[in-house]
N, C-alpha and C. Protein backbone atom coordinates (compact mmCIF):
# COMPACT_ATOMS: atom_id res chain seq x y z
N MET A 1 -41.97 -16.63 -6.75
CA MET A 1 -42.17 -17.78 -7.26
C MET A 1 -41.20 -18.81 -7.54
N PRO A 2 -41.46 -20.13 -7.29
CA PRO A 2 -40.36 -21.03 -7.29
C PRO A 2 -39.94 -21.30 -8.89
N ILE A 3 -38.81 -21.70 -9.17
CA ILE A 3 -38.37 -22.06 -10.41
C ILE A 3 -38.81 -23.58 -10.50
N VAL A 4 -39.36 -23.96 -11.83
CA VAL A 4 -39.45 -25.38 -12.04
C VAL A 4 -38.16 -26.12 -12.01
N PRO A 5 -37.98 -27.29 -11.26
CA PRO A 5 -36.72 -27.90 -11.31
C PRO A 5 -36.33 -28.50 -12.63
N ASP A 6 -34.99 -28.43 -13.04
CA ASP A 6 -34.45 -28.85 -14.29
C ASP A 6 -34.28 -30.37 -14.00
N THR A 7 -34.97 -31.20 -14.72
CA THR A 7 -34.89 -32.61 -14.56
C THR A 7 -34.09 -33.31 -15.79
N LYS A 8 -33.63 -32.45 -16.76
CA LYS A 8 -32.66 -33.03 -17.88
C LYS A 8 -31.36 -33.62 -17.33
N ASP A 9 -31.06 -34.65 -17.99
CA ASP A 9 -29.70 -35.28 -17.53
C ASP A 9 -28.77 -34.81 -18.64
N TRP A 10 -27.95 -33.81 -18.16
CA TRP A 10 -27.16 -33.05 -19.00
C TRP A 10 -25.83 -33.93 -19.50
N THR A 11 -25.68 -35.07 -19.06
CA THR A 11 -24.38 -35.83 -19.49
C THR A 11 -24.33 -35.81 -21.14
N TRP A 12 -25.26 -35.72 -21.63
CA TRP A 12 -25.39 -35.69 -23.11
C TRP A 12 -24.32 -34.65 -23.75
N VAL A 13 -24.14 -33.59 -22.92
CA VAL A 13 -23.13 -32.50 -23.44
C VAL A 13 -21.68 -33.15 -23.58
N LEU A 14 -21.55 -34.33 -23.04
CA LEU A 14 -20.12 -34.97 -23.35
C LEU A 14 -20.19 -35.57 -24.72
N LEU A 15 -20.97 -35.64 -25.30
CA LEU A 15 -21.07 -36.29 -26.54
C LEU A 15 -21.39 -35.28 -27.71
N GLU A 16 -21.93 -34.15 -27.51
CA GLU A 16 -22.24 -33.23 -28.65
C GLU A 16 -22.20 -31.78 -28.12
N GLU A 17 -22.14 -30.86 -29.09
CA GLU A 17 -22.29 -29.58 -28.75
C GLU A 17 -23.33 -29.04 -28.12
N CYS A 18 -23.43 -28.30 -27.05
CA CYS A 18 -24.62 -27.74 -26.65
C CYS A 18 -25.27 -26.70 -27.48
N PRO A 19 -26.38 -26.92 -28.03
CA PRO A 19 -26.97 -25.95 -28.85
C PRO A 19 -27.18 -24.52 -28.33
N GLU A 20 -27.48 -24.43 -26.90
CA GLU A 20 -27.85 -23.44 -26.26
C GLU A 20 -26.60 -22.28 -26.27
N CYS A 21 -25.40 -22.84 -25.68
CA CYS A 21 -24.19 -21.93 -25.31
C CYS A 21 -23.13 -22.29 -26.35
N GLY A 22 -23.26 -23.47 -27.26
CA GLY A 22 -22.18 -23.62 -28.11
C GLY A 22 -21.09 -24.27 -27.70
N PHE A 23 -20.87 -24.55 -26.29
CA PHE A 23 -19.78 -25.40 -25.75
C PHE A 23 -19.73 -26.82 -26.22
N VAL A 24 -18.38 -27.15 -26.49
CA VAL A 24 -18.26 -28.70 -26.98
C VAL A 24 -17.33 -29.19 -26.01
N ALA A 25 -17.90 -29.74 -25.01
CA ALA A 25 -17.20 -30.46 -23.89
C ALA A 25 -16.14 -31.36 -24.31
N ALA A 26 -16.38 -32.31 -25.29
CA ALA A 26 -15.60 -33.42 -25.70
C ALA A 26 -14.41 -32.86 -26.23
N GLU A 27 -14.35 -31.66 -26.79
CA GLU A 27 -13.13 -30.98 -27.48
C GLU A 27 -12.38 -30.06 -26.55
N PHE A 28 -12.91 -29.99 -25.37
CA PHE A 28 -12.13 -29.04 -24.30
C PHE A 28 -11.06 -29.80 -23.53
N PRO A 29 -9.91 -29.36 -23.74
CA PRO A 29 -8.88 -30.13 -23.00
C PRO A 29 -9.03 -30.07 -21.45
N PRO A 30 -9.16 -31.21 -21.00
CA PRO A 30 -9.19 -31.18 -19.21
C PRO A 30 -8.16 -30.35 -18.63
N ASP A 31 -6.93 -30.28 -19.31
CA ASP A 31 -5.89 -29.68 -18.55
C ASP A 31 -5.95 -28.03 -18.71
N ALA A 32 -7.07 -27.64 -19.36
CA ALA A 32 -7.20 -26.35 -19.73
C ALA A 32 -8.35 -25.72 -18.73
N VAL A 33 -8.84 -26.30 -18.02
CA VAL A 33 -10.01 -26.27 -17.08
C VAL A 33 -9.61 -25.10 -15.82
N ALA A 34 -8.58 -25.21 -15.38
CA ALA A 34 -8.10 -24.19 -14.37
C ALA A 34 -7.90 -22.89 -15.00
N ASP A 35 -7.33 -22.85 -16.15
CA ASP A 35 -7.18 -21.45 -16.82
C ASP A 35 -8.39 -20.90 -17.19
N ARG A 36 -9.32 -21.74 -17.78
CA ARG A 36 -10.68 -21.20 -18.20
C ARG A 36 -11.40 -20.74 -16.95
N VAL A 37 -11.34 -21.55 -15.94
CA VAL A 37 -12.05 -21.08 -14.59
C VAL A 37 -11.64 -19.47 -14.27
N ARG A 38 -10.28 -19.55 -14.06
CA ARG A 38 -9.66 -18.18 -13.82
C ARG A 38 -10.16 -17.05 -14.67
N ALA A 39 -10.03 -17.35 -15.87
CA ALA A 39 -10.22 -16.31 -16.93
C ALA A 39 -11.90 -15.86 -16.89
N ASP A 40 -12.68 -16.94 -16.56
CA ASP A 40 -14.15 -16.29 -16.48
C ASP A 40 -14.57 -15.74 -15.16
N LEU A 41 -13.71 -15.97 -14.22
CA LEU A 41 -14.20 -15.05 -12.76
C LEU A 41 -14.45 -13.56 -13.03
N PRO A 42 -13.67 -12.89 -13.64
CA PRO A 42 -14.03 -11.47 -14.08
C PRO A 42 -15.18 -11.11 -14.55
N ARG A 43 -15.59 -12.16 -15.54
CA ARG A 43 -16.93 -12.00 -16.12
C ARG A 43 -17.96 -12.18 -15.24
N TRP A 44 -17.75 -13.13 -14.27
CA TRP A 44 -19.01 -13.27 -13.04
C TRP A 44 -19.04 -12.08 -12.37
N THR A 45 -17.89 -11.51 -11.96
CA THR A 45 -17.90 -10.35 -11.01
C THR A 45 -18.58 -9.14 -11.76
N ALA A 46 -18.27 -9.00 -13.24
CA ALA A 46 -19.09 -7.79 -13.98
C ALA A 46 -20.66 -8.14 -13.98
N VAL A 47 -20.89 -9.50 -14.07
CA VAL A 47 -22.36 -9.84 -14.00
C VAL A 47 -22.92 -9.36 -12.84
N LEU A 48 -22.31 -9.67 -11.65
CA LEU A 48 -22.84 -9.46 -10.24
C LEU A 48 -22.79 -7.93 -10.05
N ALA A 49 -21.94 -7.28 -10.71
CA ALA A 49 -22.02 -5.63 -10.42
C ALA A 49 -23.16 -5.04 -11.15
N ARG A 50 -23.79 -5.55 -12.24
CA ARG A 50 -24.85 -5.14 -12.89
C ARG A 50 -26.08 -4.56 -11.97
N ALA A 51 -26.60 -3.58 -12.25
CA ALA A 51 -27.97 -3.10 -11.52
C ALA A 51 -29.15 -4.17 -11.57
N ASP A 52 -29.12 -4.90 -12.58
CA ASP A 52 -30.17 -6.00 -12.42
C ASP A 52 -29.75 -7.24 -12.05
N ALA A 53 -28.70 -7.35 -11.33
CA ALA A 53 -28.16 -8.64 -11.01
C ALA A 53 -29.15 -9.54 -10.11
N ARG A 54 -30.03 -8.88 -9.18
CA ARG A 54 -31.22 -9.52 -8.58
C ARG A 54 -32.35 -9.84 -9.32
N GLN A 55 -32.40 -9.44 -10.56
CA GLN A 55 -33.95 -9.30 -11.30
C GLN A 55 -33.92 -10.47 -12.06
N ARG A 56 -35.05 -11.28 -11.94
CA ARG A 56 -35.38 -12.47 -12.69
C ARG A 56 -35.81 -11.97 -14.11
N PRO A 57 -35.34 -12.39 -15.16
CA PRO A 57 -35.93 -12.00 -16.48
C PRO A 57 -37.32 -12.22 -16.78
N ASP A 58 -37.71 -13.37 -16.09
CA ASP A 58 -39.08 -13.88 -16.24
C ASP A 58 -39.46 -14.67 -15.05
N GLU A 59 -40.61 -15.04 -14.76
CA GLU A 59 -40.86 -15.90 -13.54
C GLU A 59 -40.14 -17.16 -13.56
N SER A 60 -39.85 -17.78 -14.67
CA SER A 60 -39.33 -19.11 -14.74
C SER A 60 -37.94 -19.36 -14.90
N THR A 61 -37.13 -18.20 -14.64
CA THR A 61 -35.65 -18.13 -14.96
C THR A 61 -35.06 -17.53 -13.79
N TRP A 62 -33.91 -18.05 -13.34
CA TRP A 62 -33.04 -17.44 -12.27
C TRP A 62 -32.69 -15.96 -12.61
N SER A 63 -32.34 -15.31 -11.65
CA SER A 63 -31.63 -13.90 -11.80
C SER A 63 -30.07 -14.41 -11.87
N PRO A 64 -29.35 -13.40 -12.36
CA PRO A 64 -27.87 -13.71 -12.38
C PRO A 64 -27.36 -13.92 -11.18
N THR A 65 -27.98 -13.35 -10.12
CA THR A 65 -27.25 -13.69 -8.50
C THR A 65 -27.63 -15.23 -8.34
N GLU A 66 -28.68 -15.49 -8.66
CA GLU A 66 -29.15 -16.98 -8.50
C GLU A 66 -28.28 -17.98 -9.20
N TYR A 67 -28.02 -17.58 -10.37
CA TYR A 67 -27.09 -18.50 -11.28
C TYR A 67 -25.71 -18.50 -10.76
N ALA A 68 -25.26 -17.45 -10.16
CA ALA A 68 -24.10 -17.18 -9.64
C ALA A 68 -23.74 -17.99 -8.33
N CYS A 69 -24.96 -17.88 -7.44
CA CYS A 69 -24.99 -18.78 -6.29
C CYS A 69 -24.82 -20.20 -6.64
N HIS A 70 -25.46 -20.82 -7.78
CA HIS A 70 -25.37 -21.91 -8.24
C HIS A 70 -24.05 -22.46 -8.56
N VAL A 71 -23.35 -21.41 -9.45
CA VAL A 71 -22.05 -21.69 -9.95
C VAL A 71 -21.16 -21.74 -8.83
N ARG A 72 -21.23 -20.95 -7.86
CA ARG A 72 -20.41 -20.93 -6.70
C ARG A 72 -20.40 -22.12 -5.95
N ASP A 73 -21.65 -22.86 -5.90
CA ASP A 73 -21.76 -24.02 -5.21
C ASP A 73 -21.21 -25.21 -6.18
N VAL A 74 -21.34 -25.00 -7.50
CA VAL A 74 -20.81 -26.05 -8.45
C VAL A 74 -19.42 -26.18 -8.25
N PHE A 75 -18.58 -24.98 -8.17
CA PHE A 75 -17.21 -25.06 -7.96
C PHE A 75 -16.91 -25.94 -6.63
N GLY A 76 -17.70 -25.79 -5.62
CA GLY A 76 -17.50 -26.58 -4.51
C GLY A 76 -17.85 -28.03 -4.59
N ILE A 77 -18.90 -28.32 -5.20
CA ILE A 77 -19.34 -29.59 -5.54
C ILE A 77 -18.39 -30.49 -6.40
N PHE A 78 -18.06 -29.94 -7.47
CA PHE A 78 -17.10 -30.50 -8.41
C PHE A 78 -15.71 -30.65 -7.89
N ALA A 79 -15.27 -29.53 -7.12
CA ALA A 79 -14.04 -30.01 -6.45
C ALA A 79 -13.95 -31.06 -5.50
N GLU A 80 -15.17 -31.20 -4.81
CA GLU A 80 -15.21 -32.48 -3.78
C GLU A 80 -15.17 -33.63 -4.65
N ARG A 81 -16.09 -33.76 -5.75
CA ARG A 81 -15.87 -34.98 -6.58
C ARG A 81 -14.67 -35.38 -7.27
N ALA A 82 -14.17 -34.08 -7.80
CA ALA A 82 -12.59 -34.33 -8.23
C ALA A 82 -11.72 -34.98 -7.41
N ARG A 83 -11.85 -34.38 -6.02
CA ARG A 83 -11.05 -35.06 -4.90
C ARG A 83 -11.27 -36.43 -4.71
N LEU A 84 -12.61 -36.86 -4.53
CA LEU A 84 -12.82 -38.16 -4.40
C LEU A 84 -12.20 -39.01 -5.63
N ILE A 85 -12.46 -38.71 -6.66
CA ILE A 85 -11.82 -39.51 -7.90
C ILE A 85 -10.27 -39.43 -7.70
N LEU A 86 -9.65 -38.54 -7.48
CA LEU A 86 -8.16 -38.42 -7.12
C LEU A 86 -7.83 -39.27 -5.92
N GLU A 87 -8.57 -39.38 -4.91
CA GLU A 87 -8.11 -39.95 -3.86
C GLU A 87 -8.76 -41.33 -3.40
N THR A 88 -9.74 -41.68 -4.12
CA THR A 88 -10.46 -42.89 -3.70
C THR A 88 -10.64 -43.61 -5.24
N ASP A 89 -10.41 -45.10 -4.91
CA ASP A 89 -10.73 -45.95 -6.04
C ASP A 89 -12.23 -46.03 -6.29
N GLU A 90 -12.65 -45.62 -7.51
CA GLU A 90 -13.90 -45.66 -8.11
C GLU A 90 -15.01 -45.27 -7.20
N PRO A 91 -15.17 -44.01 -6.64
CA PRO A 91 -16.07 -43.36 -5.68
C PRO A 91 -17.33 -43.23 -6.20
N HIS A 92 -18.43 -43.20 -5.49
CA HIS A 92 -19.62 -42.88 -5.72
C HIS A 92 -19.99 -41.49 -5.13
N PHE A 93 -20.48 -40.51 -5.82
CA PHE A 93 -20.88 -39.21 -5.40
C PHE A 93 -21.99 -39.18 -4.85
N ALA A 94 -22.24 -38.51 -3.85
CA ALA A 94 -23.52 -38.19 -3.04
C ALA A 94 -24.33 -37.36 -4.04
N ASN A 95 -25.63 -37.58 -4.03
CA ASN A 95 -26.53 -36.78 -4.93
C ASN A 95 -26.56 -35.54 -4.36
N TRP A 96 -26.61 -34.52 -5.19
CA TRP A 96 -26.88 -32.96 -5.08
C TRP A 96 -28.09 -32.51 -5.73
N ASN A 97 -28.94 -32.10 -5.04
CA ASN A 97 -30.22 -31.61 -5.73
C ASN A 97 -29.93 -30.04 -5.64
N GLN A 98 -29.70 -29.55 -6.81
CA GLN A 98 -29.55 -28.10 -6.97
C GLN A 98 -30.55 -27.29 -6.78
N ASP A 99 -31.74 -27.73 -7.10
CA ASP A 99 -32.96 -27.02 -6.79
C ASP A 99 -33.53 -26.78 -5.34
N ASP A 100 -33.10 -27.92 -4.47
CA ASP A 100 -33.42 -27.92 -3.17
C ASP A 100 -32.30 -26.80 -2.50
N THR A 101 -31.18 -27.00 -3.06
CA THR A 101 -30.25 -26.04 -2.46
C THR A 101 -30.39 -24.47 -2.73
N ALA A 102 -31.02 -24.24 -4.03
CA ALA A 102 -31.34 -22.90 -4.25
C ALA A 102 -32.41 -22.44 -3.34
N ILE A 103 -33.52 -23.33 -3.00
CA ILE A 103 -34.47 -22.98 -2.05
C ILE A 103 -33.87 -22.77 -0.64
N ALA A 104 -33.31 -23.97 -0.18
CA ALA A 104 -32.92 -23.85 1.10
C ALA A 104 -31.85 -22.78 1.46
N ASP A 105 -31.06 -22.27 0.46
CA ASP A 105 -30.02 -21.06 0.94
C ASP A 105 -30.75 -20.02 0.32
N ASP A 106 -31.91 -20.00 -0.19
CA ASP A 106 -32.47 -18.68 -0.55
C ASP A 106 -31.53 -17.92 -1.65
N TYR A 107 -31.26 -18.59 -2.56
CA TYR A 107 -30.46 -17.80 -3.53
C TYR A 107 -30.97 -16.45 -4.02
N ALA A 108 -32.32 -16.22 -4.09
CA ALA A 108 -32.92 -15.14 -4.60
C ALA A 108 -32.65 -13.80 -3.47
N ALA A 109 -32.53 -14.18 -2.38
CA ALA A 109 -32.29 -13.11 -1.44
C ALA A 109 -30.96 -12.72 -1.12
N GLN A 110 -30.06 -13.55 -1.85
CA GLN A 110 -28.48 -13.20 -1.50
C GLN A 110 -27.86 -12.03 -1.98
N ASP A 111 -26.87 -11.29 -1.49
CA ASP A 111 -26.38 -10.04 -1.89
C ASP A 111 -25.39 -10.33 -2.99
N PRO A 112 -25.61 -9.73 -4.22
CA PRO A 112 -24.77 -9.88 -5.23
C PRO A 112 -23.35 -9.72 -5.05
N ALA A 113 -23.07 -8.76 -4.23
CA ALA A 113 -21.38 -8.31 -3.88
C ALA A 113 -20.86 -9.41 -2.96
N ALA A 114 -21.66 -9.96 -2.14
CA ALA A 114 -21.12 -11.01 -1.19
C ALA A 114 -20.97 -12.26 -2.14
N VAL A 115 -22.01 -12.58 -2.96
CA VAL A 115 -21.93 -13.72 -4.06
C VAL A 115 -20.72 -13.71 -4.79
N SER A 116 -20.43 -12.20 -5.06
CA SER A 116 -19.37 -12.21 -6.19
C SER A 116 -17.90 -12.61 -5.30
N GLU A 117 -17.81 -12.23 -4.06
CA GLU A 117 -16.58 -12.54 -3.40
C GLU A 117 -16.61 -14.05 -3.17
N GLN A 118 -17.52 -14.53 -2.82
CA GLN A 118 -17.67 -16.22 -2.51
C GLN A 118 -17.33 -16.89 -3.84
N LEU A 119 -17.98 -16.48 -5.03
CA LEU A 119 -17.95 -17.26 -6.09
C LEU A 119 -16.44 -17.05 -6.65
N VAL A 120 -15.78 -15.96 -6.59
CA VAL A 120 -14.29 -15.78 -6.89
C VAL A 120 -13.56 -16.70 -6.09
N ALA A 121 -13.69 -16.73 -4.77
CA ALA A 121 -12.80 -17.53 -3.93
C ALA A 121 -13.09 -19.01 -4.13
N ALA A 122 -14.51 -19.49 -4.31
CA ALA A 122 -14.73 -20.84 -4.74
C ALA A 122 -13.89 -21.16 -6.13
N GLY A 123 -14.19 -20.17 -7.00
CA GLY A 123 -13.52 -20.59 -8.21
C GLY A 123 -12.06 -20.75 -8.26
N LEU A 124 -11.42 -19.86 -7.60
CA LEU A 124 -9.75 -19.92 -7.42
C LEU A 124 -9.43 -21.20 -6.84
N SER A 125 -10.32 -21.70 -5.60
CA SER A 125 -9.81 -22.88 -4.98
C SER A 125 -10.05 -24.16 -6.03
N ASN A 126 -11.21 -24.07 -6.82
CA ASN A 126 -11.52 -25.04 -7.64
C ASN A 126 -10.42 -25.06 -8.85
N ALA A 127 -10.19 -24.00 -9.24
CA ALA A 127 -9.04 -23.88 -10.26
C ALA A 127 -7.66 -24.64 -9.78
N GLU A 128 -7.40 -24.29 -8.61
CA GLU A 128 -6.13 -24.73 -7.97
C GLU A 128 -6.05 -26.33 -8.13
N LEU A 129 -7.39 -26.96 -7.68
CA LEU A 129 -7.41 -28.32 -7.66
C LEU A 129 -7.17 -29.00 -9.08
N TRP A 130 -7.87 -28.29 -10.20
CA TRP A 130 -7.82 -29.01 -11.51
C TRP A 130 -6.32 -28.69 -11.99
N ALA A 131 -5.76 -27.61 -11.68
CA ALA A 131 -4.29 -27.34 -12.16
C ALA A 131 -3.35 -28.24 -11.52
N GLY A 132 -3.80 -29.08 -10.34
CA GLY A 132 -2.81 -29.83 -9.76
C GLY A 132 -2.95 -31.28 -10.12
N VAL A 133 -4.03 -31.77 -11.07
CA VAL A 133 -4.18 -33.14 -11.58
C VAL A 133 -3.00 -33.51 -12.49
N HIS A 134 -2.50 -34.65 -12.18
CA HIS A 134 -1.43 -35.32 -12.78
C HIS A 134 -1.91 -35.97 -14.05
N ALA A 135 -1.19 -35.96 -15.04
CA ALA A 135 -1.39 -36.61 -16.29
C ALA A 135 -1.92 -37.86 -16.25
N ASP A 136 -1.26 -38.70 -15.31
CA ASP A 136 -1.61 -39.91 -15.30
C ASP A 136 -3.10 -40.31 -14.42
N ALA A 137 -3.76 -39.35 -14.11
CA ALA A 137 -5.02 -39.26 -13.24
C ALA A 137 -6.20 -38.91 -13.89
N TRP A 138 -6.06 -38.33 -15.16
CA TRP A 138 -7.20 -38.03 -15.80
C TRP A 138 -8.26 -39.32 -16.33
N GLY A 139 -7.74 -40.44 -16.17
CA GLY A 139 -8.46 -41.72 -16.62
C GLY A 139 -9.12 -42.16 -15.42
N ARG A 140 -8.97 -41.83 -14.27
CA ARG A 140 -9.53 -42.49 -13.08
C ARG A 140 -11.12 -42.31 -12.99
N ARG A 141 -11.86 -43.22 -12.54
CA ARG A 141 -13.24 -43.10 -12.62
C ARG A 141 -14.02 -42.71 -11.28
N GLY A 142 -15.27 -42.33 -11.45
CA GLY A 142 -16.10 -42.00 -10.43
C GLY A 142 -17.66 -42.32 -11.01
N PHE A 143 -18.60 -42.41 -10.14
CA PHE A 143 -19.88 -42.84 -10.38
C PHE A 143 -20.94 -41.76 -9.62
N ARG A 144 -21.74 -41.14 -10.48
CA ARG A 144 -22.85 -40.25 -10.11
C ARG A 144 -23.90 -41.16 -9.19
N SER A 145 -24.61 -40.66 -8.51
CA SER A 145 -25.70 -41.40 -7.61
C SER A 145 -26.74 -42.15 -8.68
N ASP A 146 -26.95 -41.66 -9.91
CA ASP A 146 -27.65 -42.20 -10.79
C ASP A 146 -26.99 -43.13 -11.64
N GLY A 147 -25.75 -43.54 -11.41
CA GLY A 147 -25.12 -44.57 -12.17
C GLY A 147 -24.26 -44.09 -13.34
N ALA A 148 -24.28 -42.67 -13.65
CA ALA A 148 -23.44 -42.07 -14.66
C ALA A 148 -22.04 -42.11 -14.32
N VAL A 149 -21.19 -42.63 -15.26
CA VAL A 149 -19.64 -42.90 -14.94
C VAL A 149 -19.02 -41.61 -15.53
N PHE A 150 -17.96 -41.22 -14.89
CA PHE A 150 -17.28 -40.15 -15.23
C PHE A 150 -15.66 -40.53 -15.08
N THR A 151 -14.89 -40.19 -15.80
CA THR A 151 -13.45 -40.07 -15.58
C THR A 151 -13.09 -38.79 -15.00
N THR A 152 -11.91 -38.43 -14.41
CA THR A 152 -11.59 -37.17 -14.00
C THR A 152 -11.60 -36.27 -15.29
N ALA A 153 -11.21 -36.62 -16.22
CA ALA A 153 -11.31 -35.76 -17.54
C ALA A 153 -12.81 -35.46 -17.95
N THR A 154 -13.58 -36.48 -18.02
CA THR A 154 -14.98 -36.13 -18.46
C THR A 154 -15.75 -35.31 -17.24
N LEU A 155 -15.37 -35.51 -16.03
CA LEU A 155 -15.89 -34.59 -14.91
C LEU A 155 -15.56 -33.34 -15.00
N SER A 156 -14.36 -33.05 -15.52
CA SER A 156 -13.75 -31.91 -15.67
C SER A 156 -14.54 -30.93 -16.69
N GLN A 157 -14.78 -31.83 -18.01
CA GLN A 157 -15.48 -31.33 -19.03
C GLN A 157 -16.86 -30.95 -18.72
N TYR A 158 -17.35 -32.00 -18.19
CA TYR A 158 -18.94 -31.75 -17.81
C TYR A 158 -19.04 -30.38 -16.80
N PHE A 159 -18.22 -30.49 -15.75
CA PHE A 159 -18.27 -29.19 -15.01
C PHE A 159 -17.94 -28.02 -15.82
N MET A 160 -17.01 -28.04 -16.76
CA MET A 160 -16.76 -26.78 -17.48
C MET A 160 -18.00 -26.39 -18.41
N HIS A 161 -18.74 -27.27 -18.94
CA HIS A 161 -19.89 -26.83 -19.63
C HIS A 161 -20.91 -26.11 -18.66
N ASP A 162 -21.10 -26.65 -17.58
CA ASP A 162 -22.03 -26.04 -16.41
C ASP A 162 -21.76 -24.40 -16.25
N VAL A 163 -20.46 -24.25 -16.07
CA VAL A 163 -19.80 -22.86 -15.79
C VAL A 163 -20.09 -22.06 -16.98
N VAL A 164 -19.50 -22.57 -18.20
CA VAL A 164 -19.94 -21.68 -19.36
C VAL A 164 -21.20 -21.56 -19.71
N HIS A 165 -22.01 -22.69 -19.76
CA HIS A 165 -23.41 -22.49 -19.88
C HIS A 165 -24.13 -21.48 -19.15
N HIS A 166 -23.89 -21.36 -17.82
CA HIS A 166 -24.42 -20.35 -17.01
C HIS A 166 -23.99 -18.81 -17.26
N LEU A 167 -22.89 -18.80 -17.52
CA LEU A 167 -22.41 -17.52 -18.12
C LEU A 167 -23.15 -16.96 -19.25
N HIS A 168 -23.36 -18.03 -20.31
CA HIS A 168 -24.33 -17.79 -21.35
C HIS A 168 -25.60 -17.28 -20.92
N ASP A 169 -26.15 -18.03 -20.00
CA ASP A 169 -27.56 -17.84 -19.25
C ASP A 169 -27.68 -16.25 -18.97
N VAL A 170 -26.64 -15.73 -18.35
CA VAL A 170 -26.70 -14.43 -17.79
C VAL A 170 -26.08 -13.40 -18.62
N ARG A 171 -25.83 -13.57 -19.88
CA ARG A 171 -25.06 -12.87 -20.89
C ARG A 171 -23.81 -12.29 -20.13
N GLY A 172 -23.12 -13.18 -19.86
CA GLY A 172 -21.82 -12.67 -19.08
C GLY A 172 -20.76 -12.69 -20.20
């Protein structure tokens, strides 16, 4: 059964604590993103090693493997967006429909062990990018397709919330 798409605009997490996962994006130091990504990768590996990794807790919620596929792809999407901000003046990010990607890539059928390897590789690559951001580049701006404005710093915080939130979703 397909999951109902999430249509919520999550940019509000840049202004207040997320009541679901408790992450406070505005208080998270952007220069700590790389270390946090690296620190959380073993938690994702453990989640994907669980016997229930492919089981949905209910019909309307992704399985841990589906969430991990999403996070693996988030690592790539946000690395691409960060590169755009760092290399281009005020870029506009291409739209990414996460729900269409989940269906097109059949997240539900993917092998948890393979996803674990892919997620770790994508996470390490993503962390390397954030670790290389120079202090004078955190204020550079980019625009999401819906007009939302991000700096390199707020993009990193928004990204970090996504990863932390989904670890919370899968009880990682």
